[in-house]
Amino acid sequence: MTSETIDDHTKARVLVQALPHMQRYDDAIIVVKYGGHAMGDEQVARDFAQDIVLLEQSGVNPVVVHGGGPQIGAMLAKLGIKSEFAAGLRITDKATVEIVEMVLAGSINKSLVGFINEAGGKALGLSGKDGNMVVASKVTRSVRDPDSNIEQVIDLGFVGEPETVDTTVLDQILGRELIPVLAPVATGKGGGTFNVNADTFAGAIAGALGAKRLLLLTDVPGVLDRDKQLIKELTIAQARALIADGTISGGMIPKVETCIYALEQGVEGVVILDGKVAHAVLLELLTDHGAGTLITR
């Protein structure tokens, strides 16, 4: 059923049903991490942009953080630079970090800003470097050699994790009908550029802002149980238990750990949901059913 076929009475009923949800999030800060392969689909990106503008128009203060792994990989391949990964993170040398910054803070950021502006919003593209918003420290990871069982420290290059977050710039923007769109690139204490995992970056921003919700849009419906059914709600303790017993595994572990980190920083609730579902953000925030897994303290 398209919007053209919905009669006016149905439209009015839908708005009335959304009202309590709008009131719950009135003037609240909602940080949305937009990433995964859904970013490569223009129509999904346009639907997402409409969601963000509608939230802003209904009194919410949205902050968008985007990733760009597939796009970075494509650009590196185009330039003949080989991508290497360790412990789930891209090894980022000096040549690679220049491309990472160009893709994240350049083409992806401005594309998303354009979609939001086309949908009637006023988006502002920034990175963690602006106003020293995010200062990062170098990440070190160790991996265990399966043959010798010896742990080795991996040098990931210019990969960082947030050390400090300064919300001065965001405080000036939020509440003024402007929508910040943030690329997860940060500066180091001694200068330079660090590539920061977008989930981690979004968690740090949400925590510093005391956001009511952090939404992590991914390529999966949310956290699944052993029967591959969606788990609608979890506490931190339940999430840790599911990691311990192996129900939460692989790439979902760092996502859930980011959720726990954000909650411990002061975020009220974090949701992992499927970014490929049309208008997933509105389904999560403005309907009774939600669209993913809500994790709370």
C-alpha atoms as a PDB file:
ATOM      1  CA  MET A   1       0.000   0.000   0.000  1.00  0.00           C
ATOM      2  CA  THR A   2       1.574   3.292  -1.091  1.00  0.00           C
ATOM      3  CA  SER A   3       1.068   6.645   0.578  1.00  0.00           C
ATOM      4  CA  GLU A   4      -1.143   7.684  -2.366  1.00  0.00           C
ATOM      5  CA  THR A   5      -3.649   4.910  -1.609  1.00  0.00           C
ATOM      6  CA  ILE A   6      -3.991   5.687   2.118  1.00  0.00           C
ATOM      7  CA  ASP A   7      -7.121   7.682   2.852  1.00  0.00           C
ATOM      8  CA  ASP A   8      -7.033  10.806   5.014  1.00  0.00           C
ATOM      9  CA  HIS A   9      -8.723   9.118   8.005  1.00  0.00           C
ATOM     10  CA  THR A  10      -6.046   6.398   8.061  1.00  0.00           C
ATOM     11  CA  LYS A  11      -3.297   9.029   7.876  1.00  0.00           C
ATOM     12  CA  ALA A  12      -4.856  10.866  10.837  1.00  0.00           C
ATOM     13  CA  ARG A  13      -5.100   7.612  12.847  1.00  0.00           C
ATOM     14  CA  VAL A  14      -1.441   6.816  12.170  1.00  0.00           C
ATOM     15  CA  LEU A  15      -0.389  10.269  13.385  1.00  0.00           C
ATOM     16  CA  VAL A  16      -2.478   9.948  16.551  1.00  0.00           C
ATOM     17  CA  GLN A  17      -0.924   6.553  17.317  1.00  0.00           C
ATOM     18  CA  ALA A  18       2.554   8.060  16.849  1.00  0.00           C
ATOM     19  CA  LEU A  19       1.815  10.973  19.207  1.00  0.00           C
ATOM     20  CA  PRO A  20       2.781   9.271  22.534  1.00  0.00           C
ATOM     21  CA  HIS A  21       6.098   8.208  20.985  1.00  0.00           C
ATOM     22  CA  MET A  22       6.732  11.735  19.690  1.00  0.00           C
ATOM     23  CA  GLN A  23       6.052  13.087  23.180  1.00  0.00           C
ATOM     24  CA  ARG A  24       8.454  10.555  24.729  1.00  0.00           C
ATOM     25  CA  TYR A  25      11.295  11.757  22.512  1.00  0.00           C
ATOM     26  CA  ASP A  26      10.388  15.471  22.442  1.00  0.00           C
ATOM     27  CA  ASP A  27      13.613  17.498  22.696  1.00  0.00           C
ATOM     28  CA  ALA A  28      15.588  14.273  23.277  1.00  0.00           C
ATOM     29  CA  ILE A  29      18.946  13.587  21.630  1.00  0.00           C
ATOM     30  CA  ILE A  30      18.923  10.502  19.401  1.00  0.00           C
ATOM     31  CA  VAL A  31      22.249   9.344  17.952  1.00  0.00           C
ATOM     32  CA  VAL A  32      21.891   7.158  14.858  1.00  0.00           C
ATOM     33  CA  LYS A  33      24.823   5.184  13.481  1.00  0.00           C
ATOM     34  CA  TYR A  34      24.144   4.568   9.799  1.00  0.00           C
ATOM     35  CA  GLY A  35      26.326   1.925   8.198  1.00  0.00           C
ATOM     36  CA  GLY A  36      26.603  -1.509   6.724  1.00  0.00           C
ATOM     37  CA  HIS A  37      25.879  -2.421   3.131  1.00  0.00           C
ATOM     38  CA  ALA A  38      22.547  -0.538   3.239  1.00  0.00           C
ATOM     39  CA  MET A  39      24.607   2.612   2.688  1.00  0.00           C
ATOM     40  CA  GLY A  40      25.263   1.549  -0.894  1.00  0.00           C
ATOM     41  CA  ASP A  41      21.543   1.555  -1.787  1.00  0.00           C
ATOM     42  CA  GLU A  42      20.441   5.048  -2.807  1.00  0.00           C
ATOM     43  CA  GLN A  43      16.730   4.482  -2.105  1.00  0.00           C
ATOM     44  CA  VAL A  44      17.482   3.169   1.389  1.00  0.00           C
ATOM     45  CA  ALA A  45      19.674   6.243   1.961  1.00  0.00           C
ATOM     46  CA  ARG A  46      16.838   8.524   0.826  1.00  0.00           C
ATOM     47  CA  ASP A  47      14.353   6.735   3.116  1.00  0.00           C
ATOM     48  CA  PHE A  48      16.829   7.140   5.975  1.00  0.00           C
ATOM     49  CA  ALA A  49      17.226  10.855   5.213  1.00  0.00           C
ATOM     50  CA  GLN A  50      13.428  11.304   5.295  1.00  0.00           C
ATOM     51  CA  ASP A  51      13.291   9.550   8.698  1.00  0.00           C
ATOM     52  CA  ILE A  52      15.937  11.884  10.114  1.00  0.00           C
ATOM     53  CA  VAL A  53      14.181  15.011   8.807  1.00  0.00           C
ATOM     54  CA  LEU A  54      10.817  13.836  10.162  1.00  0.00           C
ATOM     55  CA  LEU A  55      12.388  13.227  13.584  1.00  0.00           C
ATOM     56  CA  GLU A  56      13.891  16.727  13.610  1.00  0.00           C
ATOM     57  CA  GLN A  57      10.566  18.246  12.540  1.00  0.00           C
ATOM     58  CA  SER A  58       8.775  16.382  15.363  1.00  0.00           C
ATOM     59  CA  GLY A  59      10.995  17.870  18.081  1.00  0.00           C
ATOM     60  CA  VAL A  60      13.776  15.277  18.273  1.00  0.00           C
ATOM     61  CA  ASN A  61      17.460  16.292  18.096  1.00  0.00           C
ATOM     62  CA  PRO A  62      19.026  13.683  15.777  1.00  0.00           C
ATOM     63  CA  VAL A  63      22.787  13.222  15.422  1.00  0.00           C
ATOM     64  CA  VAL A  64      23.930  10.991  12.544  1.00  0.00           C
ATOM     65  CA  VAL A  65      27.220   9.064  12.611  1.00  0.00           C
ATOM     66  CA  HIS A  66      28.047   7.112   9.460  1.00  0.00           C
ATOM     67  CA  GLY A  67      30.463   4.344   8.579  1.00  0.00           C
ATOM     68  CA  GLY A  68      31.795   3.464   5.152  1.00  0.00           C
ATOM     69  CA  GLY A  69      33.769   0.212   5.213  1.00  0.00           C
ATOM     70  CA  PRO A  70      32.589  -1.111   1.822  1.00  0.00           C
ATOM     71  CA  GLN A  71      33.143   2.273   0.128  1.00  0.00           C
ATOM     72  CA  ILE A  72      36.642   2.569   1.638  1.00  0.00           C
ATOM     73  CA  GLY A  73      37.442  -0.950   0.436  1.00  0.00           C
ATOM     74  CA  ALA A  74      36.219  -0.130  -3.089  1.00  0.00           C
ATOM     75  CA  MET A  75      38.298   3.065  -3.282  1.00  0.00           C
ATOM     76  CA  LEU A  76      41.438   1.317  -1.974  1.00  0.00           C
ATOM     77  CA  ALA A  77      40.956  -1.434  -4.582  1.00  0.00           C
ATOM     78  CA  LYS A  78      40.492   1.177  -7.308  1.00  0.00           C
ATOM     79  CA  LEU A  79      43.787   2.786  -6.284  1.00  0.00           C
ATOM     80  CA  GLY A  80      45.564  -0.569  -6.033  1.00  0.00           C
ATOM     81  CA  ILE A  81      46.065  -0.379  -2.244  1.00  0.00           C
ATOM     82  CA  LYS A  82      45.624  -3.776  -0.582  1.00  0.00           C
ATOM     83  CA  SER A  83      43.239  -3.942   2.417  1.00  0.00           C
ATOM     84  CA  GLU A  84      44.493  -5.910   5.405  1.00  0.00           C
ATOM     85  CA  PHE A  85      42.525  -6.738   8.544  1.00  0.00           C
ATOM     86  CA  ALA A  86      43.494  -7.968  12.003  1.00  0.00           C
ATOM     87  CA  ALA A  87      41.223  -8.608  14.999  1.00  0.00           C
ATOM     88  CA  GLY A  88      38.304  -7.356  12.882  1.00  0.00           C
ATOM     89  CA  LEU A  89      39.855  -3.917  12.265  1.00  0.00           C
ATOM     90  CA  ARG A  90      41.381  -2.490   9.085  1.00  0.00           C
ATOM     91  CA  ILE A  91      45.159  -2.063   9.312  1.00  0.00           C
ATOM     92  CA  THR A  92      45.529   1.590   8.375  1.00  0.00           C
ATOM     93  CA  ASP A  93      48.942   2.840   7.208  1.00  0.00           C
ATOM     94  CA  LYS A  94      49.668   6.433   6.196  1.00  0.00           C
ATOM     95  CA  ALA A  95      48.527   5.945   2.581  1.00  0.00           C
ATOM     96  CA  THR A  96      45.356   4.185   3.703  1.00  0.00           C
ATOM     97  CA  VAL A  97      44.358   6.759   6.344  1.00  0.00           C
ATOM     98  CA  GLU A  98      44.458   9.511   3.701  1.00  0.00           C
ATOM     99  CA  ILE A  99      41.987   7.527   1.577  1.00  0.00           C
ATOM    100  CA  VAL A 100      39.854   6.704   4.654  1.00  0.00           C
ATOM    101  CA  GLU A 101      39.553  10.399   5.513  1.00  0.00           C
ATOM    102  CA  MET A 102      38.835  11.346   1.892  1.00  0.00           C
ATOM    103  CA  VAL A 103      36.021   8.770   1.587  1.00  0.00           C
ATOM    104  CA  LEU A 104      34.489   9.179   5.057  1.00  0.00           C
ATOM    105  CA  ALA A 105      34.731  12.950   5.596  1.00  0.00           C
ATOM    106  CA  GLY A 106      34.391  13.663   1.868  1.00  0.00           C
ATOM    107  CA  SER A 107      32.213  11.684  -0.521  1.00  0.00           C
ATOM    108  CA  ILE A 108      30.103   9.661   1.947  1.00  0.00           C
ATOM    109  CA  ASN A 109      29.561  12.521   4.384  1.00  0.00           C
ATOM    110  CA  LYS A 110      28.531  15.027   1.735  1.00  0.00           C
ATOM    111  CA  SER A 111      26.314  12.500  -0.051  1.00  0.00           C
ATOM    112  CA  LEU A 112      24.360  11.889   3.171  1.00  0.00           C
ATOM    113  CA  VAL A 113      24.216  15.639   3.896  1.00  0.00           C
ATOM    114  CA  GLY A 114      22.794  16.111   0.384  1.00  0.00           C
ATOM    115  CA  PHE A 115      20.073  13.475   0.858  1.00  0.00           C
ATOM    116  CA  ILE A 116      18.970  15.026   4.175  1.00  0.00           C
ATOM    117  CA  ASN A 117      18.909  18.508   2.662  1.00  0.00           C
ATOM    118  CA  GLU A 118      16.920  17.253  -0.356  1.00  0.00           C
ATOM    119  CA  ALA A 119      14.376  15.788   2.098  1.00  0.00           C
ATOM    120  CA  GLY A 120      13.882  19.240   3.613  1.00  0.00           C
ATOM    121  CA  GLY A 121      16.393  19.218   6.457  1.00  0.00           C
ATOM    122  CA  LYS A 122      19.427  21.377   7.196  1.00  0.00           C
ATOM    123  CA  ALA A 123      22.306  18.951   7.565  1.00  0.00           C
ATOM    124  CA  LEU A 124      25.836  19.936   8.525  1.00  0.00           C
ATOM    125  CA  GLY A 125      28.710  17.589   7.667  1.00  0.00           C
ATOM    126  CA  LEU A 126      31.500  17.314  10.241  1.00  0.00           C
ATOM    127  CA  SER A 127      34.159  14.877  11.422  1.00  0.00           C
ATOM    128  CA  GLY A 128      35.581  14.168  14.849  1.00  0.00           C
ATOM    129  CA  LYS A 129      38.395  16.582  14.020  1.00  0.00           C
ATOM    130  CA  ASP A 130      36.098  19.626  13.978  1.00  0.00           C
ATOM    131  CA  GLY A 131      36.391  21.609  17.197  1.00  0.00           C
ATOM    132  CA  ASN A 132      38.527  18.766  18.635  1.00  0.00           C
ATOM    133  CA  MET A 133      35.231  16.909  19.015  1.00  0.00           C
ATOM    134  CA  VAL A 134      36.898  13.516  19.327  1.00  0.00           C
ATOM    135  CA  VAL A 135      40.531  13.040  20.305  1.00  0.00           C
ATOM    136  CA  ALA A 136      41.628   9.445  19.839  1.00  0.00           C
ATOM    137  CA  SER A 137      44.479   7.290  21.087  1.00  0.00           C
ATOM    138  CA  LYS A 138      46.127   4.511  19.115  1.00  0.00           C
ATOM    139  CA  VAL A 139      44.447   1.107  19.297  1.00  0.00           C
ATOM    140  CA  THR A 140      46.523  -1.960  20.007  1.00  0.00           C
ATOM    141  CA  ARG A 141      45.162  -5.451  19.590  1.00  0.00           C
ATOM    142  CA  SER A 142      46.690  -8.820  20.330  1.00  0.00           C
ATOM    143  CA  VAL A 143      45.896 -12.053  18.484  1.00  0.00           C
ATOM    144  CA  ARG A 144      46.814 -15.595  19.523  1.00  0.00           C
ATOM    145  CA  ASP A 145      48.803 -17.617  16.998  1.00  0.00           C
ATOM    146  CA  PRO A 146      46.828 -20.879  16.517  1.00  0.00           C
ATOM    147  CA  ASP A 147      50.017 -22.949  16.039  1.00  0.00           C
ATOM    148  CA  SER A 148      52.271 -21.659  18.828  1.00  0.00           C
ATOM    149  CA  ASN A 149      49.442 -20.347  21.083  1.00  0.00           C
ATOM    150  CA  ILE A 150      51.593 -17.234  21.643  1.00  0.00           C
ATOM    151  CA  GLU A 151      49.864 -13.850  21.779  1.00  0.00           C
ATOM    152  CA  GLN A 152      51.212 -11.300  19.330  1.00  0.00           C
ATOM    153  CA  VAL A 153      50.571  -7.538  19.469  1.00  0.00           C
ATOM    154  CA  ILE A 154      49.298  -6.275  16.121  1.00  0.00           C
ATOM    155  CA  ASP A 155      50.194  -2.768  14.942  1.00  0.00           C
ATOM    156  CA  LEU A 156      46.996  -1.471  13.328  1.00  0.00           C
ATOM    157  CA  GLY A 157      48.605   1.784  12.216  1.00  0.00           C
ATOM    158  CA  PHE A 158      46.381   4.846  12.314  1.00  0.00           C
ATOM    159  CA  VAL A 159      43.419   3.132  13.990  1.00  0.00           C
ATOM    160  CA  GLY A 160      42.212   4.903  17.118  1.00  0.00           C
ATOM    161  CA  GLU A 161      39.599   4.756  19.817  1.00  0.00           C
ATOM    162  CA  PRO A 162      37.980   7.798  21.444  1.00  0.00           C
ATOM    163  CA  GLU A 163      39.882   9.129  24.434  1.00  0.00           C
ATOM    164  CA  THR A 164      38.047  12.417  24.960  1.00  0.00           C
ATOM    165  CA  VAL A 165      34.855  13.889  23.488  1.00  0.00           C
ATOM    166  CA  ASP A 166      34.242  17.647  23.470  1.00  0.00           C
ATOM    167  CA  THR A 167      30.586  18.433  22.691  1.00  0.00           C
ATOM    168  CA  THR A 168      31.080  22.221  22.303  1.00  0.00           C
ATOM    169  CA  VAL A 169      30.387  22.196  18.549  1.00  0.00           C
ATOM    170  CA  LEU A 170      27.386  19.861  18.871  1.00  0.00           C
ATOM    171  CA  ASP A 171      25.965  21.925  21.752  1.00  0.00           C
ATOM    172  CA  GLN A 172      25.963  24.957  19.437  1.00  0.00           C
ATOM    173  CA  ILE A 173      24.175  23.008  16.664  1.00  0.00           C
ATOM    174  CA  LEU A 174      21.522  20.926  18.440  1.00  0.00           C
ATOM    175  CA  GLY A 175      18.150  22.577  18.992  1.00  0.00           C
ATOM    176  CA  ARG A 176      18.678  25.017  16.113  1.00  0.00           C
ATOM    177  CA  GLU A 177      17.015  22.972  13.341  1.00  0.00           C
ATOM    178  CA  LEU A 178      20.447  21.767  12.203  1.00  0.00           C
ATOM    179  CA  ILE A 179      21.282  18.065  11.833  1.00  0.00           C
ATOM    180  CA  PRO A 180      24.939  17.139  12.444  1.00  0.00           C
ATOM    181  CA  VAL A 181      26.274  14.327  10.221  1.00  0.00           C
ATOM    182  CA  LEU A 182      29.546  12.999  11.644  1.00  0.00           C
ATOM    183  CA  ALA A 183      32.344  11.062   9.938  1.00  0.00           C
ATOM    184  CA  PRO A 184      34.259   8.791  12.373  1.00  0.00           C
ATOM    185  CA  VAL A 185      37.644  10.377  11.801  1.00  0.00           C
ATOM    186  CA  ALA A 186      39.462  11.801  14.829  1.00  0.00           C
ATOM    187  CA  THR A 187      42.618  13.671  15.664  1.00  0.00           C
ATOM    188  CA  GLY A 188      45.355  12.395  17.959  1.00  0.00           C
ATOM    189  CA  LYS A 189      46.716  14.224  20.994  1.00  0.00           C
ATOM    190  CA  GLY A 190      49.836  15.084  19.038  1.00  0.00           C
ATOM    191  CA  GLY A 191      47.913  15.824  15.832  1.00  0.00           C
ATOM    192  CA  GLY A 192      47.516  13.496  12.884  1.00  0.00           C
ATOM    193  CA  THR A 193      44.474  11.480  11.818  1.00  0.00           C
ATOM    194  CA  PHE A 194      42.926   8.331  13.260  1.00  0.00           C
ATOM    195  CA  ASN A 195      40.352   6.034  11.692  1.00  0.00           C
ATOM    196  CA  VAL A 196      37.804   5.132  14.401  1.00  0.00           C
ATOM    197  CA  ASN A 197      35.302   2.270  14.223  1.00  0.00           C
ATOM    198  CA  ALA A 198      31.947   3.955  13.506  1.00  0.00           C
ATOM    199  CA  ASP A 199      30.026   1.994  16.181  1.00  0.00           C
ATOM    200  CA  THR A 200      32.611   2.947  18.817  1.00  0.00           C
ATOM    201  CA  PHE A 201      32.612   6.570  17.644  1.00  0.00           C
ATOM    202  CA  ALA A 202      28.791   6.727  17.830  1.00  0.00           C
ATOM    203  CA  GLY A 203      28.835   5.177  21.318  1.00  0.00           C
ATOM    204  CA  ALA A 204      31.315   7.799  22.561  1.00  0.00           C
ATOM    205  CA  ILE A 205      29.292  10.668  21.046  1.00  0.00           C
ATOM    206  CA  ALA A 206      25.999   9.320  22.450  1.00  0.00           C
ATOM    207  CA  GLY A 207      27.534   8.908  25.897  1.00  0.00           C
ATOM    208  CA  ALA A 208      29.014  12.402  25.945  1.00  0.00           C
ATOM    209  CA  LEU A 209      25.687  13.920  24.876  1.00  0.00           C
ATOM    210  CA  GLY A 210      23.658  11.832  27.356  1.00  0.00           C
ATOM    211  CA  ALA A 211      21.497  10.638  24.454  1.00  0.00           C
ATOM    212  CA  LYS A 212      18.110   9.040  25.154  1.00  0.00           C
ATOM    213  CA  ARG A 213      18.713   6.487  22.411  1.00  0.00           C
ATOM    214  CA  LEU A 214      21.613   5.233  20.332  1.00  0.00           C
ATOM    215  CA  LEU A 215      20.445   3.365  17.233  1.00  0.00           C
ATOM    216  CA  LEU A 216      23.005   1.122  15.507  1.00  0.00           C
ATOM    217  CA  LEU A 217      21.762   0.405  11.982  1.00  0.00           C
ATOM    218  CA  THR A 218      23.420  -2.778  10.737  1.00  0.00           C
ATOM    219  CA  ASP A 219      22.946  -5.584   8.202  1.00  0.00           C
ATOM    220  CA  VAL A 220      21.051  -7.864  10.613  1.00  0.00           C
ATOM    221  CA  PRO A 221      17.636  -7.600  12.352  1.00  0.00           C
ATOM    222  CA  GLY A 222      19.233  -7.336  15.812  1.00  0.00           C
ATOM    223  CA  VAL A 223      20.499  -9.831  18.400  1.00  0.00           C
ATOM    224  CA  LEU A 224      19.280 -13.356  17.616  1.00  0.00           C
ATOM    225  CA  ASP A 225      18.788 -16.289  19.991  1.00  0.00           C
ATOM    226  CA  ARG A 226      20.047 -19.826  19.305  1.00  0.00           C
ATOM    227  CA  ASP A 227      16.987 -20.468  17.110  1.00  0.00           C
ATOM    228  CA  LYS A 228      17.800 -17.340  15.052  1.00  0.00           C
ATOM    229  CA  GLN A 229      14.763 -15.508  16.441  1.00  0.00           C
ATOM    230  CA  LEU A 230      14.999 -11.804  17.257  1.00  0.00           C
ATOM    231  CA  ILE A 231      15.484 -10.949  20.935  1.00  0.00           C
ATOM    232  CA  LYS A 232      13.424  -7.789  21.484  1.00  0.00           C
ATOM    233  CA  GLU A 233      14.943  -6.616  24.789  1.00  0.00           C
ATOM    234  CA  LEU A 234      18.069  -7.312  26.838  1.00  0.00           C
ATOM    235  CA  THR A 235      19.720  -5.933  29.949  1.00  0.00           C
ATOM    236  CA  ILE A 236      23.500  -5.523  30.177  1.00  0.00           C
ATOM    237  CA  ALA A 237      23.700  -8.612  32.430  1.00  0.00           C
ATOM    238  CA  GLN A 238      21.658 -10.716  29.978  1.00  0.00           C
ATOM    239  CA  ALA A 239      23.762  -9.513  27.030  1.00  0.00           C
ATOM    240  CA  ARG A 240      26.993 -10.449  28.835  1.00  0.00           C
ATOM    241  CA  ALA A 241      25.571 -13.890  29.639  1.00  0.00           C
ATOM    242  CA  LEU A 242      24.715 -14.448  25.936  1.00  0.00           C
ATOM    243  CA  ILE A 243      28.278 -13.504  24.955  1.00  0.00           C
ATOM    244  CA  ALA A 244      29.653 -15.899  27.594  1.00  0.00           C
ATOM    245  CA  ASP A 245      27.544 -18.856  26.403  1.00  0.00           C
ATOM    246  CA  GLY A 246      28.282 -18.222  22.710  1.00  0.00           C
ATOM    247  CA  THR A 247      24.754 -17.162  21.648  1.00  0.00           C
ATOM    248  CA  ILE A 248      26.178 -13.749  20.717  1.00  0.00           C
ATOM    249  CA  SER A 249      29.240 -14.425  18.569  1.00  0.00           C
ATOM    250  CA  GLY A 250      31.410 -13.106  15.736  1.00  0.00           C
ATOM    251  CA  GLY A 251      30.884  -9.535  14.599  1.00  0.00           C
ATOM    252  CA  MET A 252      27.905  -9.070  16.929  1.00  0.00           C
ATOM    253  CA  ILE A 253      30.174  -9.202  20.005  1.00  0.00           C
ATOM    254  CA  PRO A 254      31.883  -5.808  19.378  1.00  0.00           C
ATOM    255  CA  LYS A 255      28.498  -4.255  18.534  1.00  0.00           C
ATOM    256  CA  VAL A 256      26.966  -5.425  21.824  1.00  0.00           C
ATOM    257  CA  GLU A 257      30.109  -4.365  23.693  1.00  0.00           C
ATOM    258  CA  THR A 258      29.699  -0.889  22.140  1.00  0.00           C
ATOM    259  CA  CYS A 259      26.092  -0.863  23.373  1.00  0.00           C
ATOM    260  CA  ILE A 260      27.234  -1.739  26.913  1.00  0.00           C
ATOM    261  CA  TYR A 261      29.938   0.954  26.765  1.00  0.00           C
ATOM    262  CA  ALA A 262      27.394   3.587  25.650  1.00  0.00           C
ATOM    263  CA  LEU A 263      24.954   2.596  28.425  1.00  0.00           C
ATOM    264  CA  GLU A 264      27.719   2.840  31.008  1.00  0.00           C
ATOM    265  CA  GLN A 265      28.513   6.335  29.647  1.00  0.00           C
ATOM    266  CA  GLY A 266      24.934   7.425  30.376  1.00  0.00           C
ATOM    267  CA  VAL A 267      22.852   6.573  27.267  1.00  0.00           C
ATOM    268  CA  GLU A 268      19.345   5.488  28.311  1.00  0.00           C
ATOM    269  CA  GLY A 269      18.872   2.742  25.730  1.00  0.00           C
ATOM    270  CA  VAL A 270      20.691   1.316  22.696  1.00  0.00           C
ATOM    271  CA  VAL A 271      19.010  -0.454  19.786  1.00  0.00           C
ATOM    272  CA  ILE A 272      20.616  -2.753  17.192  1.00  0.00           C
ATOM    273  CA  LEU A 273      18.390  -2.900  14.099  1.00  0.00           C
ATOM    274  CA  ASP A 274      18.414  -3.674  10.372  1.00  0.00           C
ATOM    275  CA  GLY A 275      19.250  -0.583   8.319  1.00  0.00           C
ATOM    276  CA  LYS A 276      18.044  -2.234   5.109  1.00  0.00           C
ATOM    277  CA  VAL A 277      14.410  -2.164   6.322  1.00  0.00           C
ATOM    278  CA  ALA A 278      12.623   0.858   4.868  1.00  0.00           C
ATOM    279  CA  HIS A 279      12.089   3.584   7.508  1.00  0.00           C
ATOM    280  CA  ALA A 280      13.651   1.397  10.229  1.00  0.00           C
ATOM    281  CA  VAL A 281      14.343   4.465  12.394  1.00  0.00           C
ATOM    282  CA  LEU A 282      10.678   5.528  12.404  1.00  0.00           C
ATOM    283  CA  LEU A 283       9.514   1.955  13.045  1.00  0.00           C
ATOM    284  CA  GLU A 284      11.785   1.783  16.082  1.00  0.00           C
ATOM    285  CA  LEU A 285      11.030   5.171  17.607  1.00  0.00           C
ATOM    286  CA  LEU A 286       7.432   5.932  16.618  1.00  0.00           C
ATOM    287  CA  THR A 287       5.615   2.572  16.778  1.00  0.00           C
ATOM    288  CA  ASP A 288       4.675   0.188  19.601  1.00  0.00           C
ATOM    289  CA  HIS A 289       6.508  -2.762  18.055  1.00  0.00           C
ATOM    290  CA  GLY A 290       9.986  -1.380  17.489  1.00  0.00           C
ATOM    291  CA  ALA A 291      12.344  -2.804  14.880  1.00  0.00           C
ATOM    292  CA  GLY A 292      15.327  -4.387  16.616  1.00  0.00           C
ATOM    293  CA  THR A 293      16.923  -5.356  19.929  1.00  0.00           C
ATOM    294  CA  LEU A 294      16.747  -2.777  22.740  1.00  0.00           C
ATOM    295  CA  ILE A 295      19.539  -3.037  25.314  1.00  0.00           C
ATOM    296  CA  THR A 296      19.177  -1.163  28.614  1.00  0.00           C
ATOM    297  CA  ARG A 297      20.983  -1.040  31.936  1.00  0.00           C
END
